[in-house]
PDB file of all heavy atoms in Angstrom:
ATOM      1  N   GLU A   1      31.560  72.825  12.514  1.00  0.00           N
ATOM      2  CA  GLU A   1      32.268  74.135  12.422  1.00  0.00           C
ATOM      3  C   GLU A   1      32.472  74.695  13.809  1.00  0.00           C
ATOM      4  O   GLU A   1      33.504  75.371  14.094  1.00  0.00           O
ATOM      5  CB  GLU A   1      31.383  75.096  11.603  1.00  0.00           C
ATOM      6  CG  GLU A   1      31.323  74.671  10.125  1.00  0.00           C
ATOM      7  CD  GLU A   1      30.468  75.631   9.288  1.00  0.00           C
ATOM      8  OE1 GLU A   1      29.545  76.176   9.817  1.00  0.00           O
ATOM      9  OE2 GLU A   1      30.782  75.810   8.098  1.00  0.00           O
ATOM     10  N   ASP A   2      31.506  74.577  14.727  1.00  0.00           N
ATOM     11  CA  ASP A   2      31.633  75.052  16.140  1.00  0.00           C
ATOM     12  C   ASP A   2      32.797  74.412  16.828  1.00  0.00           C
ATOM     13  O   ASP A   2      33.657  75.058  17.447  1.00  0.00           O
ATOM     14  CB  ASP A   2      30.412  74.858  16.859  1.00  0.00           C
ATOM     15  CG  ASP A   2      30.482  75.280  18.359  1.00  0.00           C
ATOM     16  OD1 ASP A   2      30.567  76.522  18.578  1.00  0.00           O
ATOM     17  OD2 ASP A   2      30.585  74.434  19.244  1.00  0.00           O
ATOM     18  N   LEU A   3      32.914  73.072  16.706  1.00  0.00           N
ATOM     19  CA  LEU A   3      33.890  72.325  17.388  1.00  0.00           C
ATOM     20  C   LEU A   3      35.309  72.672  16.751  1.00  0.00           C
ATOM     21  O   LEU A   3      36.259  72.906  17.485  1.00  0.00           O
ATOM     22  CB  LEU A   3      33.671  70.863  17.277  1.00  0.00           C
ATOM     23  CG  LEU A   3      34.668  69.972  17.992  1.00  0.00           C
ATOM     24  CD1 LEU A   3      34.817  70.309  19.476  1.00  0.00           C
ATOM     25  CD2 LEU A   3      34.244  68.521  17.862  1.00  0.00           C
ATOM     26  N   ASN A   4      35.416  72.838  15.460  1.00  0.00           N
ATOM     27  CA  ASN A   4      36.637  73.265  14.818  1.00  0.00           C
ATOM     28  C   ASN A   4      36.991  74.680  15.185  1.00  0.00           C
ATOM     29  O   ASN A   4      38.249  74.906  15.431  1.00  0.00           O
ATOM     30  CB  ASN A   4      36.510  73.182  13.215  1.00  0.00           C
ATOM     31  CG  ASN A   4      37.782  73.415  12.531  1.00  0.00           C
ATOM     32  OD1 ASN A   4      38.695  72.630  12.593  1.00  0.00           O
ATOM     33  ND2 ASN A   4      37.880  74.609  11.814  1.00  0.00           N
ATOM     34  N   GLY A   5      36.111  75.580  15.343  1.00  0.00           N
ATOM     35  CA  GLY A   5      36.354  76.902  15.763  1.00  0.00           C
ATOM     36  C   GLY A   5      36.822  76.947  17.186  1.00  0.00           C
ATOM     37  O   GLY A   5      37.757  77.726  17.496  1.00  0.00           O
ATOM     38  N   ARG A   6      36.260  76.164  18.101  1.00  0.00           N
ATOM     39  CA  ARG A   6      36.745  76.112  19.449  1.00  0.00           C
ATOM     40  C   ARG A   6      38.153  75.578  19.517  1.00  0.00           C
ATOM     41  O   ARG A   6      39.031  76.167  20.318  1.00  0.00           O
ATOM     42  CB  ARG A   6      35.789  75.165  20.252  1.00  0.00           C
ATOM     43  CG  ARG A   6      34.454  75.772  20.612  1.00  0.00           C
ATOM     44  CD  ARG A   6      33.655  74.824  21.465  1.00  0.00           C
ATOM     45  NE  ARG A   6      32.324  75.440  21.718  1.00  0.00           N
ATOM     46  CZ  ARG A   6      32.115  76.260  22.757  1.00  0.00           C
ATOM     47  NH1 ARG A   6      33.102  76.640  23.582  1.00  0.00           N
ATOM     48  NH2 ARG A   6      30.886  76.740  22.937  1.00  0.00           N
ATOM     49  N   LEU A   7      38.485  74.563  18.719  1.00  0.00           N
ATOM     50  CA  LEU A   7      39.915  74.071  18.697  1.00  0.00           C
ATOM     51  C   LEU A   7      40.864  75.136  18.164  1.00  0.00           C
ATOM     52  O   LEU A   7      41.977  75.279  18.532  1.00  0.00           O
ATOM     53  CB  LEU A   7      39.967  72.841  17.856  1.00  0.00           C
ATOM     54  CG  LEU A   7      39.437  71.566  18.579  1.00  0.00           C
ATOM     55  CD1 LEU A   7      39.140  70.430  17.644  1.00  0.00           C
ATOM     56  CD2 LEU A   7      40.463  71.093  19.613  1.00  0.00           C
ATOM     57  N   ASP A   8      40.389  75.926  17.124  1.00  0.00           N
ATOM     58  CA  ASP A   8      41.193  77.048  16.554  1.00  0.00           C
ATOM     59  C   ASP A   8      41.561  77.980  17.704  1.00  0.00           C
ATOM     60  O   ASP A   8      42.710  78.376  17.893  1.00  0.00           O
ATOM     61  CB  ASP A   8      40.419  77.789  15.502  1.00  0.00           C
ATOM     62  CG  ASP A   8      40.783  77.346  14.117  1.00  0.00           C
ATOM     63  OD1 ASP A   8      41.873  76.780  13.926  1.00  0.00           O
ATOM     64  OD2 ASP A   8      39.943  77.570  13.286  1.00  0.00           O
ATOM     65  N   ARG A   9      40.553  78.405  18.513  1.00  0.00           N
ATOM     66  CA  ARG A   9      40.755  79.298  19.620  1.00  0.00           C
ATOM     67  C   ARG A   9      41.726  78.733  20.676  1.00  0.00           C
ATOM     68  O   ARG A   9      42.577  79.364  21.209  1.00  0.00           O
ATOM     69  CB  ARG A   9      39.493  79.725  20.238  1.00  0.00           C
ATOM     70  CG  ARG A   9      38.574  80.623  19.363  1.00  0.00           C
ATOM     71  CD  ARG A   9      37.457  81.293  20.089  1.00  0.00           C
ATOM     72  NE  ARG A   9      36.460  80.243  20.516  1.00  0.00           N
ATOM     73  CZ  ARG A   9      35.530  79.789  19.725  1.00  0.00           C
ATOM     74  NH1 ARG A   9      35.259  80.342  18.553  1.00  0.00           N
ATOM     75  NH2 ARG A   9      34.612  78.935  20.204  1.00  0.00           N
ATOM     76  N   ALA A  10      41.586  77.450  20.940  1.00  0.00           N
ATOM     77  CA  ALA A  10      42.424  76.788  21.968  1.00  0.00           C
ATOM     78  C   ALA A  10      43.846  76.775  21.502  1.00  0.00           C
ATOM     79  O   ALA A  10      44.768  76.924  22.242  1.00  0.00           O
ATOM     80  CB  ALA A  10      41.871  75.371  22.190  1.00  0.00           C
ATOM     81  N   ILE A  11      44.035  76.492  20.189  1.00  0.00           N
ATOM     82  CA  ILE A  11      45.369  76.526  19.654  1.00  0.00           C
ATOM     83  C   ILE A  11      46.012  77.856  19.683  1.00  0.00           C
ATOM     84  O   ILE A  11      47.229  77.959  20.089  1.00  0.00           O
ATOM     85  CB  ILE A  11      45.323  76.059  18.199  1.00  0.00           C
ATOM     86  CG1 ILE A  11      44.929  74.510  18.065  1.00  0.00           C
ATOM     87  CG2 ILE A  11      46.689  76.253  17.490  1.00  0.00           C
ATOM     88  CD1 ILE A  11      44.579  74.099  16.664  1.00  0.00           C
ATOM     89  N   ARG A  12      45.299  78.922  19.456  1.00  0.00           N
ATOM     90  CA  ARG A  12      45.797  80.234  19.509  1.00  0.00           C
ATOM     91  C   ARG A  12      46.160  80.688  20.987  1.00  0.00           C
ATOM     92  O   ARG A  12      47.133  81.462  21.177  1.00  0.00           O
ATOM     93  CB  ARG A  12      44.792  81.268  18.904  1.00  0.00           C
ATOM     94  CG  ARG A  12      44.699  81.157  17.403  1.00  0.00           C
ATOM     95  CD  ARG A  12      43.980  82.401  16.834  1.00  0.00           C
ATOM     96  NE  ARG A  12      42.752  82.624  17.421  1.00  0.00           N
ATOM     97  CZ  ARG A  12      41.557  82.131  16.911  1.00  0.00           C
ATOM     98  NH1 ARG A  12      41.581  81.457  15.843  1.00  0.00           N
ATOM     99  NH2 ARG A  12      40.434  82.457  17.475  1.00  0.00           N
ATOM    100  N   ASN A  13      45.297  80.224  21.837  1.00  0.00           N
ATOM    101  CA  ASN A  13      45.418  80.692  23.284  1.00  0.00           C
ATOM    102  C   ASN A  13      46.519  79.969  24.090  1.00  0.00           C
ATOM    103  O   ASN A  13      46.931  80.469  25.119  1.00  0.00           O
ATOM    104  CB  ASN A  13      44.031  80.597  23.959  1.00  0.00           C
ATOM    105  CG  ASN A  13      43.055  81.591  23.375  1.00  0.00           C
ATOM    106  OD1 ASN A  13      43.389  82.572  22.829  1.00  0.00           O
ATOM    107  ND2 ASN A  13      41.706  81.261  23.565  1.00  0.00           N
ATOM    108  N   THR A  14      46.784  78.764  23.706  1.00  0.00           N
ATOM    109  CA  THR A  14      47.754  77.967  24.480  1.00  0.00           C
ATOM    110  C   THR A  14      49.192  78.465  24.318  1.00  0.00           C
ATOM    111  O   THR A  14      49.530  78.938  23.185  1.00  0.00           O
ATOM    112  CB  THR A  14      47.611  76.525  24.215  1.00  0.00           C
ATOM    113  OG1 THR A  14      48.490  75.762  25.176  1.00  0.00           O
ATOM    114  CG2 THR A  14      48.112  76.220  22.824  1.00  0.00           C
ATOM    115  N   THR A  15      49.967  78.378  25.353  1.00  0.00           N
ATOM    116  CA  THR A  15      51.369  78.786  25.293  1.00  0.00           C
ATOM    117  C   THR A  15      52.275  77.516  25.408  1.00  0.00           C
ATOM    118  O   THR A  15      53.528  77.710  25.402  1.00  0.00           O
ATOM    119  CB  THR A  15      51.755  79.792  26.437  1.00  0.00           C
ATOM    120  OG1 THR A  15      51.390  79.105  27.645  1.00  0.00           O
ATOM    121  CG2 THR A  15      50.987  81.037  26.272  1.00  0.00           C
ATOM    122  N   HIS A  16      51.691  76.390  25.456  1.00  0.00           N
ATOM    123  CA  HIS A  16      52.479  75.144  25.668  1.00  0.00           C
ATOM    124  C   HIS A  16      52.462  74.351  24.316  1.00  0.00           C
ATOM    125  O   HIS A  16      51.432  74.084  23.756  1.00  0.00           O
ATOM    126  CB  HIS A  16      51.824  74.234  26.759  1.00  0.00           C
ATOM    127  CG  HIS A  16      51.687  74.935  28.027  1.00  0.00           C
ATOM    128  ND1 HIS A  16      52.829  75.173  28.859  1.00  0.00           N
ATOM    129  CD2 HIS A  16      50.630  75.463  28.765  1.00  0.00           C
ATOM    130  CE1 HIS A  16      52.420  75.715  29.993  1.00  0.00           C
ATOM    131  NE2 HIS A  16      51.142  75.995  29.913  1.00  0.00           N
ATOM    132  N   SER A  17      53.697  74.041  23.852  1.00  0.00           N
ATOM    133  CA  SER A  17      53.790  73.411  22.547  1.00  0.00           C
ATOM    134  C   SER A  17      53.104  72.005  22.528  1.00  0.00           C
ATOM    135  O   SER A  17      52.579  71.626  21.567  1.00  0.00           O
ATOM    136  CB  SER A  17      55.300  73.282  22.200  1.00  0.00           C
ATOM    137  OG  SER A  17      55.993  72.507  23.208  1.00  0.00           O
ATOM    138  N   THR A  18      53.270  71.280  23.657  1.00  0.00           N
ATOM    139  CA  THR A  18      52.680  69.948  23.696  1.00  0.00           C
ATOM    140  C   THR A  18      51.123  70.007  23.614  1.00  0.00           C
ATOM    141  O   THR A  18      50.512  69.258  22.886  1.00  0.00           O
ATOM    142  CB  THR A  18      53.047  69.238  25.018  1.00  0.00           C
ATOM    143  OG1 THR A  18      54.516  69.123  25.032  1.00  0.00           O
ATOM    144  CG2 THR A  18      52.455  67.850  25.069  1.00  0.00           C
ATOM    145  N   GLU A  19      50.583  70.997  24.326  1.00  0.00           N
ATOM    146  CA  GLU A  19      49.087  71.144  24.293  1.00  0.00           C
ATOM    147  C   GLU A  19      48.674  71.601  22.901  1.00  0.00           C
ATOM    148  O   GLU A  19      47.599  71.151  22.375  1.00  0.00           O
ATOM    149  CB  GLU A  19      48.705  72.203  25.331  1.00  0.00           C
ATOM    150  CG  GLU A  19      47.205  72.205  25.556  1.00  0.00           C
ATOM    151  CD  GLU A  19      46.849  73.120  26.690  1.00  0.00           C
ATOM    152  OE1 GLU A  19      47.344  74.302  26.690  1.00  0.00           O
ATOM    153  OE2 GLU A  19      46.046  72.715  27.650  1.00  0.00           O
ATOM    154  N   LYS A  20      49.446  72.423  22.301  1.00  0.00           N
ATOM    155  CA  LYS A  20      49.136  72.899  20.902  1.00  0.00           C
ATOM    156  C   LYS A  20      49.152  71.729  19.961  1.00  0.00           C
ATOM    157  O   LYS A  20      48.167  71.603  19.079  1.00  0.00           O
ATOM    158  CB  LYS A  20      50.151  73.980  20.436  1.00  0.00           C
ATOM    159  CG  LYS A  20      49.817  74.527  19.066  1.00  0.00           C
ATOM    160  CD  LYS A  20      50.790  75.625  18.709  1.00  0.00           C
ATOM    161  CE  LYS A  20      50.423  76.276  17.400  1.00  0.00           C
ATOM    162  NZ  LYS A  20      51.353  77.431  17.039  1.00  0.00           N
ATOM    163  N   GLU A  21      50.144  70.832  20.000  1.00  0.00           N
ATOM    164  CA  GLU A  21      50.190  69.624  19.153  1.00  0.00           C
ATOM    165  C   GLU A  21      48.968  68.799  19.408  1.00  0.00           C
ATOM    166  O   GLU A  21      48.424  68.176  18.521  1.00  0.00           O
ATOM    167  CB  GLU A  21      51.416  68.880  19.431  1.00  0.00           C
ATOM    168  CG  GLU A  21      52.719  69.565  18.938  1.00  0.00           C
ATOM    169  CD  GLU A  21      53.939  68.809  19.297  1.00  0.00           C
ATOM    170  OE1 GLU A  21      53.847  67.754  19.892  1.00  0.00           O
ATOM    171  OE2 GLU A  21      55.053  69.304  18.962  1.00  0.00           O
ATOM    172  N   THR A  22      48.502  68.685  20.627  1.00  0.00           N
ATOM    173  CA  THR A  22      47.337  67.824  21.012  1.00  0.00           C
ATOM    174  C   THR A  22      46.076  68.409  20.382  1.00  0.00           C
ATOM    175  O   THR A  22      45.251  67.627  19.750  1.00  0.00           O
ATOM    176  CB  THR A  22      47.156  67.799  22.507  1.00  0.00           C
ATOM    177  OG1 THR A  22      48.273  67.146  23.131  1.00  0.00           O
ATOM    178  CG2 THR A  22      45.877  66.929  22.869  1.00  0.00           C
ATOM    179  N   PHE A  23      45.900  69.750  20.494  1.00  0.00           N
ATOM    180  CA  PHE A  23      44.774  70.362  19.860  1.00  0.00           C
ATOM    181  C   PHE A  23      44.765  70.235  18.314  1.00  0.00           C
ATOM    182  O   PHE A  23      43.686  70.100  17.711  1.00  0.00           O
ATOM    183  CB  PHE A  23      44.617  71.858  20.318  1.00  0.00           C
ATOM    184  CG  PHE A  23      44.318  72.004  21.755  1.00  0.00           C
ATOM    185  CD1 PHE A  23      44.753  73.095  22.492  1.00  0.00           C
ATOM    186  CD2 PHE A  23      43.436  71.071  22.393  1.00  0.00           C
ATOM    187  CE1 PHE A  23      44.430  73.292  23.831  1.00  0.00           C
ATOM    188  CE2 PHE A  23      43.125  71.244  23.724  1.00  0.00           C
ATOM    189  CZ  PHE A  23      43.599  72.302  24.425  1.00  0.00           C
ATOM    190  N   LEU A  24      45.960  70.336  17.720  1.00  0.00           N
ATOM    191  CA  LEU A  24      46.085  70.232  16.220  1.00  0.00           C
ATOM    192  C   LEU A  24      45.716  68.866  15.853  1.00  0.00           C
ATOM    193  O   LEU A  24      45.012  68.643  14.816  1.00  0.00           O
ATOM    194  CB  LEU A  24      47.477  70.536  15.797  1.00  0.00           C
ATOM    195  CG  LEU A  24      47.860  72.012  15.769  1.00  0.00           C
ATOM    196  CD1 LEU A  24      49.378  72.171  15.562  1.00  0.00           C
ATOM    197  CD2 LEU A  24      47.142  72.743  14.666  1.00  0.00           C
ATOM    198  N   ALA A  25      46.099  67.784  16.626  1.00  0.00           N
ATOM    199  CA  ALA A  25      45.747  66.455  16.346  1.00  0.00           C
ATOM    200  C   ALA A  25      44.213  66.241  16.452  1.00  0.00           C
ATOM    201  O   ALA A  25      43.611  65.539  15.676  1.00  0.00           O
ATOM    202  CB  ALA A  25      46.494  65.533  17.268  1.00  0.00           C
ATOM    203  N   LEU A  26      43.632  66.829  17.443  1.00  0.00           N
ATOM    204  CA  LEU A  26      42.138  66.774  17.649  1.00  0.00           C
ATOM    205  C   LEU A  26      41.447  67.486  16.522  1.00  0.00           C
ATOM    206  O   LEU A  26      40.384  66.944  16.041  1.00  0.00           O
ATOM    207  CB  LEU A  26      41.777  67.366  18.982  1.00  0.00           C
ATOM    208  CG  LEU A  26      42.167  66.580  20.202  1.00  0.00           C
ATOM    209  CD1 LEU A  26      41.908  67.401  21.529  1.00  0.00           C
ATOM    210  CD2 LEU A  26      41.417  65.298  20.356  1.00  0.00           C
ATOM    211  N   GLN A  27      41.978  68.586  16.046  1.00  0.00           N
ATOM    212  CA  GLN A  27      41.354  69.242  14.885  1.00  0.00           C
ATOM    213  C   GLN A  27      41.398  68.370  13.611  1.00  0.00           C
ATOM    214  O   GLN A  27      40.398  68.319  12.902  1.00  0.00           O
ATOM    215  CB  GLN A  27      42.104  70.597  14.632  1.00  0.00           C
ATOM    216  CG  GLN A  27      41.265  71.597  13.777  1.00  0.00           C
ATOM    217  CD  GLN A  27      41.985  72.972  13.801  1.00  0.00           C
ATOM    218  OE1 GLN A  27      43.135  73.095  13.629  1.00  0.00           O
ATOM    219  NE2 GLN A  27      41.160  73.959  14.037  1.00  0.00           N
ATOM    220  N   ASN A  28      42.478  67.659  13.427  1.00  0.00           N
ATOM    221  CA  ASN A  28      42.596  66.701  12.260  1.00  0.00           C
ATOM    222  C   ASN A  28      41.541  65.566  12.513  1.00  0.00           C
ATOM    223  O   ASN A  28      40.963  65.082  11.523  1.00  0.00           O
ATOM    224  CB  ASN A  28      43.980  66.117  12.202  1.00  0.00           C
ATOM    225  CG  ASN A  28      44.974  67.163  11.613  1.00  0.00           C
ATOM    226  OD1 ASN A  28      44.573  68.021  10.845  1.00  0.00           O
ATOM    227  ND2 ASN A  28      46.229  67.045  11.971  1.00  0.00           N
ATOM    228  N   GLU A  29      41.284  65.159  13.730  1.00  0.00           N
ATOM    229  CA  GLU A  29      40.356  64.142  13.932  1.00  0.00           C
ATOM    230  C   GLU A  29      38.919  64.582  13.649  1.00  0.00           C
ATOM    231  O   GLU A  29      38.091  63.824  13.141  1.00  0.00           O
ATOM    232  CB  GLU A  29      40.415  63.695  15.438  1.00  0.00           C
ATOM    233  CG  GLU A  29      39.597  62.466  15.874  1.00  0.00           C
ATOM    234  CD  GLU A  29      39.916  61.256  15.033  1.00  0.00           C
ATOM    235  OE1 GLU A  29      41.152  61.043  14.678  1.00  0.00           O
ATOM    236  OE2 GLU A  29      39.036  60.366  14.859  1.00  0.00           O
ATOM    237  N   VAL A  30      38.633  65.819  13.883  1.00  0.00           N
ATOM    238  CA  VAL A  30      37.353  66.377  13.581  1.00  0.00           C
ATOM    239  C   VAL A  30      37.158  66.345  12.064  1.00  0.00           C
ATOM    240  O   VAL A  30      36.033  65.926  11.541  1.00  0.00           O
ATOM    241  CB  VAL A  30      37.185  67.844  14.046  1.00  0.00           C
ATOM    242  CG1 VAL A  30      35.856  68.466  13.557  1.00  0.00           C
ATOM    243  CG2 VAL A  30      37.181  67.925  15.608  1.00  0.00           C
TER     244      VAL A  30
END
């Protein structure tokens, strides 16, 4: 839950679409 929450915050805070896609993929991996 902590790792998923950190990825949630990273997704919300990033302004780069490529980085957002990377974080979403990592969230799916979790």
